[in-house]
Amino acid sequence: MVLPISHPLQRYSISGYRESDLPSGAVSWSANLLRYGQSFGLVSDDGLGGPCGWTFTDGGYGEEFLAAAAALHPGAEHPGDVLVEQLITIRQLNSLDQVAYCLEGDRFEELGEHRLAEPGRSFPQVRRDLATRCADRNPRIWDKSVSAMVPVRPEPPATPAG
């Protein structure tokens, strides 16, 4: 299902994602927040386990972003953080040269855990392989056209011409 342009996952994106390794082994990161491709703020995580930090260059868009996050993730303690994690995942998986997928037991929603198909394999090839070899493990495949992990369904048997 293609999301309407007004949906937060279509309206918002990130750019300039940067990570820094900390002496403790943790990773801090930051990214620019975009609304329909135009910058309206910066989000960062200091890697110390707290919520993200926000700096909005446009307060109205910042409030709109946080309200959209709360509507998408009403049970989350920090819904803006959850939405940013989704946007980072979308950006990273859409930029891959390989096809990403996950199987039952992979913690994609919680931790972004996913697998990568062999280099050079196309989306249809990987989908067909997953439907055949991994059907019992509820495979899902990253579909760049909808920026989401989608279920892999077995191909219906060919009907005889007649």
N, C-alpha and C. Protein backbone atom coordinates (compact mmCIF):
# COMPACT_ATOMS: atom_id res chain seq x y z
N MET A 1 0.84 -1.18 0.00
CA MET A 1 0.00 0.00 0.00
C MET A 1 0.89 1.24 0.00
N VAL A 2 0.68 2.11 -0.91
CA VAL A 2 1.43 3.36 -0.99
C VAL A 2 0.78 4.36 -0.04
N LEU A 3 1.61 4.99 0.78
CA LEU A 3 1.11 5.97 1.74
C LEU A 3 0.83 7.29 1.04
N PRO A 4 -0.22 8.00 1.46
CA PRO A 4 -0.48 9.32 0.86
C PRO A 4 0.63 10.30 1.21
N ILE A 5 0.82 11.29 0.39
CA ILE A 5 1.89 12.27 0.57
C ILE A 5 1.76 12.99 1.91
N SER A 6 0.56 13.06 2.46
CA SER A 6 0.35 13.75 3.73
C SER A 6 0.77 12.89 4.93
N HIS A 7 1.01 11.59 4.73
CA HIS A 7 1.40 10.71 5.83
C HIS A 7 2.78 11.11 6.35
N PRO A 8 2.98 11.07 7.69
CA PRO A 8 4.28 11.49 8.23
C PRO A 8 5.49 10.76 7.63
N LEU A 9 5.34 9.50 7.26
CA LEU A 9 6.48 8.79 6.68
C LEU A 9 6.75 9.22 5.24
N GLN A 10 5.86 9.95 4.65
CA GLN A 10 6.09 10.56 3.33
C GLN A 10 6.52 12.02 3.48
N ARG A 11 5.96 12.69 4.47
CA ARG A 11 6.19 14.12 4.66
C ARG A 11 7.58 14.40 5.23
N TYR A 12 8.03 13.54 6.13
CA TYR A 12 9.31 13.79 6.81
C TYR A 12 10.38 12.83 6.34
N SER A 13 11.62 13.31 6.41
CA SER A 13 12.77 12.47 6.09
C SER A 13 13.97 13.05 6.84
N ILE A 14 15.09 12.38 6.69
CA ILE A 14 16.32 12.86 7.31
C ILE A 14 17.41 12.95 6.26
N SER A 15 18.41 13.75 6.54
CA SER A 15 19.60 13.83 5.67
C SER A 15 20.80 14.08 6.58
N GLY A 16 21.97 13.89 6.03
CA GLY A 16 23.19 14.20 6.76
C GLY A 16 23.37 13.38 8.02
N TYR A 17 22.92 12.13 8.00
CA TYR A 17 23.08 11.27 9.18
C TYR A 17 24.57 11.05 9.45
N ARG A 18 24.99 11.29 10.71
CA ARG A 18 26.38 11.15 11.11
C ARG A 18 26.45 10.40 12.43
N GLU A 19 27.40 9.49 12.52
CA GLU A 19 27.65 8.75 13.76
C GLU A 19 29.05 9.05 14.27
N SER A 20 29.20 8.98 15.60
CA SER A 20 30.51 9.13 16.24
C SER A 20 30.64 8.06 17.30
N ASP A 21 31.75 7.33 17.27
CA ASP A 21 32.03 6.33 18.30
C ASP A 21 32.51 7.04 19.56
N LEU A 22 31.94 6.65 20.69
CA LEU A 22 32.35 7.21 21.97
C LEU A 22 33.35 6.27 22.65
N PRO A 23 34.20 6.79 23.51
CA PRO A 23 35.18 5.93 24.21
C PRO A 23 34.53 4.76 24.96
N SER A 24 33.28 4.94 25.39
CA SER A 24 32.59 3.89 26.14
C SER A 24 32.14 2.74 25.24
N GLY A 25 32.25 2.93 23.92
CA GLY A 25 31.76 1.92 22.98
C GLY A 25 30.38 2.27 22.43
N ALA A 26 29.72 3.23 23.06
CA ALA A 26 28.42 3.68 22.57
C ALA A 26 28.62 4.51 21.30
N VAL A 27 27.52 4.80 20.63
CA VAL A 27 27.56 5.59 19.40
C VAL A 27 26.61 6.77 19.55
N SER A 28 27.10 7.95 19.31
CA SER A 28 26.23 9.13 19.24
C SER A 28 25.96 9.41 17.77
N TRP A 29 24.87 10.08 17.49
CA TRP A 29 24.54 10.38 16.11
C TRP A 29 23.72 11.66 16.02
N SER A 30 23.64 12.19 14.81
CA SER A 30 22.80 13.36 14.55
C SER A 30 22.34 13.30 13.10
N ALA A 31 21.25 14.00 12.82
CA ALA A 31 20.71 14.06 11.46
C ALA A 31 19.88 15.32 11.31
N ASN A 32 19.81 15.81 10.09
CA ASN A 32 18.94 16.93 9.77
C ASN A 32 17.53 16.41 9.55
N LEU A 33 16.55 17.14 10.04
CA LEU A 33 15.14 16.80 9.83
C LEU A 33 14.62 17.59 8.63
N LEU A 34 13.93 16.90 7.75
CA LEU A 34 13.37 17.53 6.56
C LEU A 34 11.87 17.34 6.52
N ARG A 35 11.18 18.36 6.05
CA ARG A 35 9.73 18.30 5.80
C ARG A 35 9.55 18.60 4.32
N TYR A 36 9.07 17.61 3.59
CA TYR A 36 8.96 17.73 2.13
C TYR A 36 10.28 18.21 1.52
N GLY A 37 11.39 17.70 2.05
CA GLY A 37 12.70 18.00 1.50
C GLY A 37 13.35 19.27 2.01
N GLN A 38 12.65 20.05 2.83
CA GLN A 38 13.20 21.31 3.35
C GLN A 38 13.58 21.15 4.82
N SER A 39 14.77 21.56 5.18
CA SER A 39 15.26 21.43 6.54
C SER A 39 14.42 22.26 7.51
N PHE A 40 14.12 21.67 8.67
CA PHE A 40 13.43 22.42 9.71
C PHE A 40 14.00 22.14 11.09
N GLY A 41 15.09 21.35 11.15
CA GLY A 41 15.67 21.10 12.47
C GLY A 41 16.75 20.04 12.45
N LEU A 42 17.24 19.76 13.65
CA LEU A 42 18.29 18.79 13.85
C LEU A 42 17.88 17.89 15.01
N VAL A 43 18.14 16.61 14.87
CA VAL A 43 17.91 15.65 15.94
C VAL A 43 19.24 14.99 16.26
N SER A 44 19.46 14.71 17.55
CA SER A 44 20.71 14.07 17.93
C SER A 44 20.47 13.14 19.11
N ASP A 45 21.36 12.18 19.24
CA ASP A 45 21.35 11.24 20.36
C ASP A 45 22.78 11.18 20.87
N ASP A 46 22.96 11.47 22.16
CA ASP A 46 24.31 11.52 22.71
C ASP A 46 24.91 10.15 23.00
N GLY A 47 24.13 9.08 22.77
CA GLY A 47 24.63 7.73 22.96
C GLY A 47 24.67 7.28 24.41
N LEU A 48 24.08 8.06 25.30
CA LEU A 48 24.13 7.74 26.72
C LEU A 48 22.82 7.15 27.24
N GLY A 49 21.89 6.84 26.33
CA GLY A 49 20.67 6.16 26.74
C GLY A 49 19.46 7.03 26.99
N GLY A 50 19.57 8.31 26.86
CA GLY A 50 18.42 9.19 27.07
C GLY A 50 17.68 9.44 25.78
N PRO A 51 16.63 10.25 25.85
CA PRO A 51 15.88 10.57 24.64
C PRO A 51 16.69 11.46 23.70
N CYS A 52 16.23 11.55 22.48
CA CYS A 52 16.88 12.40 21.48
C CYS A 52 16.80 13.87 21.89
N GLY A 53 17.74 14.64 21.39
CA GLY A 53 17.71 16.09 21.55
C GLY A 53 17.19 16.72 20.26
N TRP A 54 16.44 17.78 20.37
CA TRP A 54 15.81 18.43 19.22
C TRP A 54 16.21 19.89 19.17
N THR A 55 16.51 20.37 17.98
CA THR A 55 16.71 21.79 17.72
C THR A 55 15.91 22.09 16.45
N PHE A 56 14.87 22.90 16.59
CA PHE A 56 14.02 23.22 15.44
C PHE A 56 14.31 24.63 14.96
N THR A 57 14.58 24.75 13.66
CA THR A 57 14.75 26.08 13.07
C THR A 57 13.40 26.69 12.74
N ASP A 58 12.36 25.87 12.71
CA ASP A 58 11.00 26.32 12.52
C ASP A 58 10.15 25.66 13.60
N GLY A 59 9.80 26.41 14.62
CA GLY A 59 9.07 25.87 15.77
C GLY A 59 7.72 25.27 15.40
N GLY A 60 7.04 25.87 14.43
CA GLY A 60 5.74 25.35 14.01
C GLY A 60 5.87 23.97 13.39
N TYR A 61 6.86 23.79 12.54
CA TYR A 61 7.08 22.48 11.94
C TYR A 61 7.58 21.48 12.98
N GLY A 62 8.35 21.97 13.96
CA GLY A 62 8.79 21.09 15.03
C GLY A 62 7.62 20.56 15.84
N GLU A 63 6.69 21.45 16.19
CA GLU A 63 5.48 21.03 16.92
C GLU A 63 4.66 20.06 16.08
N GLU A 64 4.54 20.35 14.79
CA GLU A 64 3.79 19.48 13.88
C GLU A 64 4.43 18.08 13.83
N PHE A 65 5.77 18.04 13.76
CA PHE A 65 6.49 16.78 13.71
C PHE A 65 6.24 15.96 14.97
N LEU A 66 6.37 16.59 16.14
CA LEU A 66 6.18 15.87 17.40
C LEU A 66 4.73 15.43 17.57
N ALA A 67 3.77 16.23 17.09
CA ALA A 67 2.37 15.82 17.15
C ALA A 67 2.11 14.64 16.22
N ALA A 68 2.70 14.66 15.04
CA ALA A 68 2.54 13.54 14.10
C ALA A 68 3.14 12.27 14.70
N ALA A 69 4.29 12.39 15.35
CA ALA A 69 4.94 11.24 15.98
C ALA A 69 4.05 10.67 17.08
N ALA A 70 3.47 11.55 17.90
CA ALA A 70 2.59 11.10 18.98
C ALA A 70 1.35 10.39 18.43
N ALA A 71 0.84 10.87 17.31
CA ALA A 71 -0.33 10.23 16.69
C ALA A 71 0.03 8.86 16.12
N LEU A 72 1.22 8.73 15.56
CA LEU A 72 1.66 7.45 14.99
C LEU A 72 2.03 6.43 16.06
N HIS A 73 2.56 6.91 17.17
CA HIS A 73 3.08 6.02 18.22
C HIS A 73 2.54 6.44 19.59
N PRO A 74 1.22 6.31 19.78
CA PRO A 74 0.60 6.83 21.00
C PRO A 74 1.08 6.17 22.29
N GLY A 75 1.57 4.94 22.22
CA GLY A 75 2.03 4.26 23.44
C GLY A 75 3.49 4.46 23.75
N ALA A 76 4.21 5.13 22.89
CA ALA A 76 5.66 5.29 23.08
C ALA A 76 5.96 6.37 24.11
N GLU A 77 6.99 6.14 24.90
CA GLU A 77 7.41 7.15 25.88
C GLU A 77 7.97 8.38 25.18
N HIS A 78 8.70 8.16 24.09
CA HIS A 78 9.29 9.25 23.30
C HIS A 78 8.93 9.02 21.82
N PRO A 79 7.71 9.36 21.43
CA PRO A 79 7.27 9.05 20.06
C PRO A 79 8.11 9.72 18.98
N GLY A 80 8.66 10.89 19.22
CA GLY A 80 9.53 11.54 18.23
C GLY A 80 10.76 10.70 17.95
N ASP A 81 11.31 10.08 18.99
CA ASP A 81 12.47 9.21 18.83
C ASP A 81 12.12 8.02 17.94
N VAL A 82 10.94 7.45 18.17
CA VAL A 82 10.51 6.28 17.39
C VAL A 82 10.35 6.66 15.92
N LEU A 83 9.73 7.82 15.66
CA LEU A 83 9.56 8.26 14.27
C LEU A 83 10.91 8.50 13.61
N VAL A 84 11.84 9.11 14.31
CA VAL A 84 13.17 9.35 13.74
C VAL A 84 13.86 8.03 13.43
N GLU A 85 13.75 7.05 14.33
CA GLU A 85 14.33 5.73 14.06
C GLU A 85 13.75 5.13 12.78
N GLN A 86 12.44 5.29 12.59
CA GLN A 86 11.82 4.81 11.35
C GLN A 86 12.40 5.52 10.14
N LEU A 87 12.55 6.83 10.23
CA LEU A 87 13.07 7.60 9.10
C LEU A 87 14.52 7.21 8.79
N ILE A 88 15.31 6.94 9.81
CA ILE A 88 16.70 6.51 9.60
C ILE A 88 16.71 5.15 8.92
N THR A 89 15.86 4.23 9.40
CA THR A 89 15.78 2.89 8.79
C THR A 89 15.38 2.99 7.33
N ILE A 90 14.38 3.79 7.03
CA ILE A 90 13.92 3.96 5.64
C ILE A 90 15.07 4.47 4.78
N ARG A 91 15.75 5.49 5.25
CA ARG A 91 16.86 6.06 4.47
C ARG A 91 17.96 5.03 4.24
N GLN A 92 18.32 4.31 5.29
CA GLN A 92 19.41 3.35 5.15
C GLN A 92 19.02 2.18 4.25
N LEU A 93 17.84 1.62 4.42
CA LEU A 93 17.47 0.46 3.61
C LEU A 93 17.18 0.84 2.17
N ASN A 94 16.64 2.02 1.93
CA ASN A 94 16.40 2.45 0.55
C ASN A 94 17.70 2.74 -0.19
N SER A 95 18.79 2.98 0.55
CA SER A 95 20.05 3.29 -0.12
C SER A 95 20.91 2.05 -0.36
N LEU A 96 20.48 0.89 0.10
CA LEU A 96 21.26 -0.33 -0.08
C LEU A 96 21.32 -0.77 -1.54
N ASP A 97 22.46 -1.35 -1.93
CA ASP A 97 22.60 -1.96 -3.25
C ASP A 97 22.07 -3.39 -3.24
N GLN A 98 21.97 -3.98 -2.05
CA GLN A 98 21.49 -5.35 -1.92
C GLN A 98 20.05 -5.33 -1.42
N VAL A 99 19.36 -6.46 -1.60
CA VAL A 99 17.97 -6.59 -1.15
C VAL A 99 17.98 -7.01 0.33
N ALA A 100 17.25 -6.28 1.15
CA ALA A 100 17.15 -6.59 2.58
C ALA A 100 15.88 -7.40 2.82
N TYR A 101 15.95 -8.28 3.80
CA TYR A 101 14.78 -9.07 4.18
C TYR A 101 14.90 -9.48 5.64
N CYS A 102 13.83 -9.98 6.20
CA CYS A 102 13.88 -10.52 7.56
C CYS A 102 12.98 -11.74 7.64
N LEU A 103 13.27 -12.56 8.64
CA LEU A 103 12.52 -13.78 8.88
C LEU A 103 11.93 -13.71 10.28
N GLU A 104 10.97 -14.58 10.54
CA GLU A 104 10.37 -14.65 11.86
C GLU A 104 11.48 -14.82 12.90
N GLY A 105 11.41 -14.05 13.96
CA GLY A 105 12.44 -14.11 14.99
C GLY A 105 13.45 -12.98 14.87
N ASP A 106 13.63 -12.44 13.66
CA ASP A 106 14.48 -11.26 13.51
C ASP A 106 13.73 -10.11 14.18
N ARG A 107 14.42 -9.24 14.82
CA ARG A 107 13.77 -8.16 15.56
C ARG A 107 13.85 -6.86 14.76
N PHE A 108 13.22 -6.88 13.60
CA PHE A 108 13.28 -5.72 12.72
C PHE A 108 12.62 -4.51 13.35
N GLU A 109 11.40 -4.67 13.87
CA GLU A 109 10.69 -3.52 14.43
C GLU A 109 11.38 -2.97 15.67
N GLU A 110 11.93 -3.84 16.50
CA GLU A 110 12.55 -3.36 17.74
C GLU A 110 13.97 -2.84 17.53
N LEU A 111 14.77 -3.57 16.73
CA LEU A 111 16.19 -3.25 16.62
C LEU A 111 16.68 -3.01 15.21
N GLY A 112 15.79 -3.12 14.24
CA GLY A 112 16.20 -2.94 12.85
C GLY A 112 16.95 -4.13 12.29
N GLU A 113 16.91 -5.28 13.00
CA GLU A 113 17.64 -6.46 12.52
C GLU A 113 17.08 -6.90 11.17
N HIS A 114 17.98 -7.11 10.24
CA HIS A 114 17.59 -7.57 8.91
C HIS A 114 18.75 -8.36 8.32
N ARG A 115 18.47 -9.00 7.22
CA ARG A 115 19.48 -9.78 6.51
C ARG A 115 19.64 -9.19 5.12
N LEU A 116 20.75 -9.49 4.49
CA LEU A 116 21.00 -9.01 3.13
C LEU A 116 21.15 -10.19 2.19
N ALA A 117 20.50 -10.11 1.05
CA ALA A 117 20.65 -11.12 0.02
C ALA A 117 22.04 -10.99 -0.60
N GLU A 118 22.44 -12.03 -1.30
CA GLU A 118 23.73 -12.00 -1.96
C GLU A 118 23.77 -10.84 -2.96
N PRO A 119 24.95 -10.22 -3.08
CA PRO A 119 25.08 -9.12 -4.06
C PRO A 119 24.67 -9.59 -5.46
N GLY A 120 24.01 -8.70 -6.17
CA GLY A 120 23.61 -9.00 -7.55
C GLY A 120 22.25 -9.65 -7.68
N ARG A 121 21.65 -10.07 -6.56
CA ARG A 121 20.32 -10.68 -6.62
C ARG A 121 19.26 -9.59 -6.71
N SER A 122 18.29 -9.76 -7.59
CA SER A 122 17.24 -8.76 -7.77
C SER A 122 16.11 -8.99 -6.77
N PHE A 123 15.29 -7.98 -6.59
CA PHE A 123 14.13 -8.07 -5.71
C PHE A 123 13.25 -9.27 -6.08
N PRO A 124 12.86 -9.44 -7.36
CA PRO A 124 12.02 -10.60 -7.71
C PRO A 124 12.71 -11.94 -7.42
N GLN A 125 14.01 -12.02 -7.67
CA GLN A 125 14.72 -13.27 -7.40
C GLN A 125 14.71 -13.60 -5.90
N VAL A 126 15.00 -12.60 -5.09
CA VAL A 126 15.04 -12.82 -3.65
C VAL A 126 13.65 -13.16 -3.13
N ARG A 127 12.65 -12.45 -3.60
CA ARG A 127 11.27 -12.73 -3.17
C ARG A 127 10.88 -14.16 -3.52
N ARG A 128 11.20 -14.59 -4.72
CA ARG A 128 10.88 -15.97 -5.16
C ARG A 128 11.61 -16.99 -4.28
N ASP A 129 12.90 -16.76 -4.01
CA ASP A 129 13.67 -17.67 -3.15
C ASP A 129 13.08 -17.73 -1.74
N LEU A 130 12.74 -16.59 -1.18
CA LEU A 130 12.17 -16.57 0.16
C LEU A 130 10.83 -17.30 0.20
N ALA A 131 10.01 -17.10 -0.82
CA ALA A 131 8.70 -17.77 -0.86
C ALA A 131 8.85 -19.27 -0.96
N THR A 132 9.90 -19.72 -1.61
CA THR A 132 10.12 -21.15 -1.80
C THR A 132 10.85 -21.78 -0.62
N ARG A 133 11.97 -21.17 -0.23
CA ARG A 133 12.83 -21.79 0.78
C ARG A 133 12.49 -21.43 2.22
N CYS A 134 11.82 -20.31 2.44
CA CYS A 134 11.62 -19.83 3.82
C CYS A 134 10.16 -19.57 4.16
N ALA A 135 9.24 -20.14 3.41
CA ALA A 135 7.83 -19.85 3.62
C ALA A 135 7.38 -20.12 5.05
N ASP A 136 7.96 -21.12 5.70
CA ASP A 136 7.58 -21.48 7.07
C ASP A 136 8.14 -20.51 8.11
N ARG A 137 8.95 -19.54 7.69
CA ARG A 137 9.56 -18.57 8.62
C ARG A 137 9.02 -17.16 8.42
N ASN A 138 7.84 -17.05 7.79
CA ASN A 138 7.17 -15.77 7.58
C ASN A 138 8.11 -14.69 7.06
N PRO A 139 8.69 -14.90 5.88
CA PRO A 139 9.64 -13.92 5.36
C PRO A 139 8.97 -12.60 4.98
N ARG A 140 9.73 -11.53 5.17
CA ARG A 140 9.34 -10.20 4.69
C ARG A 140 10.53 -9.62 3.95
N ILE A 141 10.26 -8.80 2.97
CA ILE A 141 11.30 -8.24 2.12
C ILE A 141 11.13 -6.73 2.05
N TRP A 142 12.27 -6.01 2.02
CA TRP A 142 12.21 -4.55 1.95
C TRP A 142 11.83 -4.14 0.54
N ASP A 143 10.69 -3.47 0.44
CA ASP A 143 10.19 -2.98 -0.85
C ASP A 143 10.44 -1.48 -0.91
N LYS A 144 11.42 -1.08 -1.72
CA LYS A 144 11.78 0.34 -1.81
C LYS A 144 10.65 1.19 -2.35
N SER A 145 9.73 0.59 -3.11
CA SER A 145 8.64 1.39 -3.69
C SER A 145 7.66 1.86 -2.62
N VAL A 146 7.61 1.18 -1.47
CA VAL A 146 6.73 1.59 -0.38
C VAL A 146 7.51 1.86 0.91
N SER A 147 8.84 1.72 0.86
CA SER A 147 9.72 1.96 2.01
C SER A 147 9.25 1.19 3.25
N ALA A 148 9.05 -0.12 3.05
CA ALA A 148 8.57 -0.95 4.17
C ALA A 148 8.93 -2.41 3.92
N MET A 149 9.01 -3.17 5.01
CA MET A 149 9.11 -4.62 4.93
C MET A 149 7.72 -5.13 4.62
N VAL A 150 7.60 -5.88 3.55
CA VAL A 150 6.29 -6.41 3.15
C VAL A 150 6.33 -7.94 3.18
N PRO A 151 5.20 -8.56 3.48
CA PRO A 151 5.17 -10.03 3.52
C PRO A 151 5.49 -10.62 2.15
N VAL A 152 6.16 -11.76 2.19
CA VAL A 152 6.44 -12.51 0.97
C VAL A 152 5.38 -13.59 0.90
N ARG A 153 4.62 -13.57 -0.14
CA ARG A 153 3.55 -14.56 -0.32
C ARG A 153 4.01 -15.58 -1.37
N PRO A 154 3.67 -16.85 -1.14
CA PRO A 154 4.00 -17.83 -2.17
C PRO A 154 3.31 -17.46 -3.49
N GLU A 155 4.00 -17.73 -4.58
CA GLU A 155 3.42 -17.45 -5.88
C GLU A 155 2.28 -18.42 -6.12
N PRO A 156 1.16 -17.94 -6.64
CA PRO A 156 0.06 -18.85 -6.91
C PRO A 156 0.46 -19.83 -8.01
N PRO A 157 -0.06 -21.06 -7.93
CA PRO A 157 0.28 -22.02 -8.99
C PRO A 157 -0.26 -21.53 -10.33
N ALA A 158 0.50 -21.85 -11.37
CA ALA A 158 0.08 -21.46 -12.71
C ALA A 158 -1.20 -22.22 -13.08
N THR A 159 -2.11 -21.51 -13.69
CA THR A 159 -3.35 -22.16 -14.12
C THR A 159 -3.17 -22.65 -15.55
N PRO A 160 -3.62 -23.85 -15.82
CA PRO A 160 -3.46 -24.37 -17.19
C PRO A 160 -4.27 -23.55 -18.18
N ALA A 161 -3.67 -23.34 -19.33
CA ALA A 161 -4.38 -22.60 -20.39
C ALA A 161 -5.46 -23.51 -20.94
N GLY A 162 -6.55 -22.97 -21.20
CA GLY A 162 -7.59 -23.87 -21.69
C GLY A 162 -8.69 -23.19 -22.24
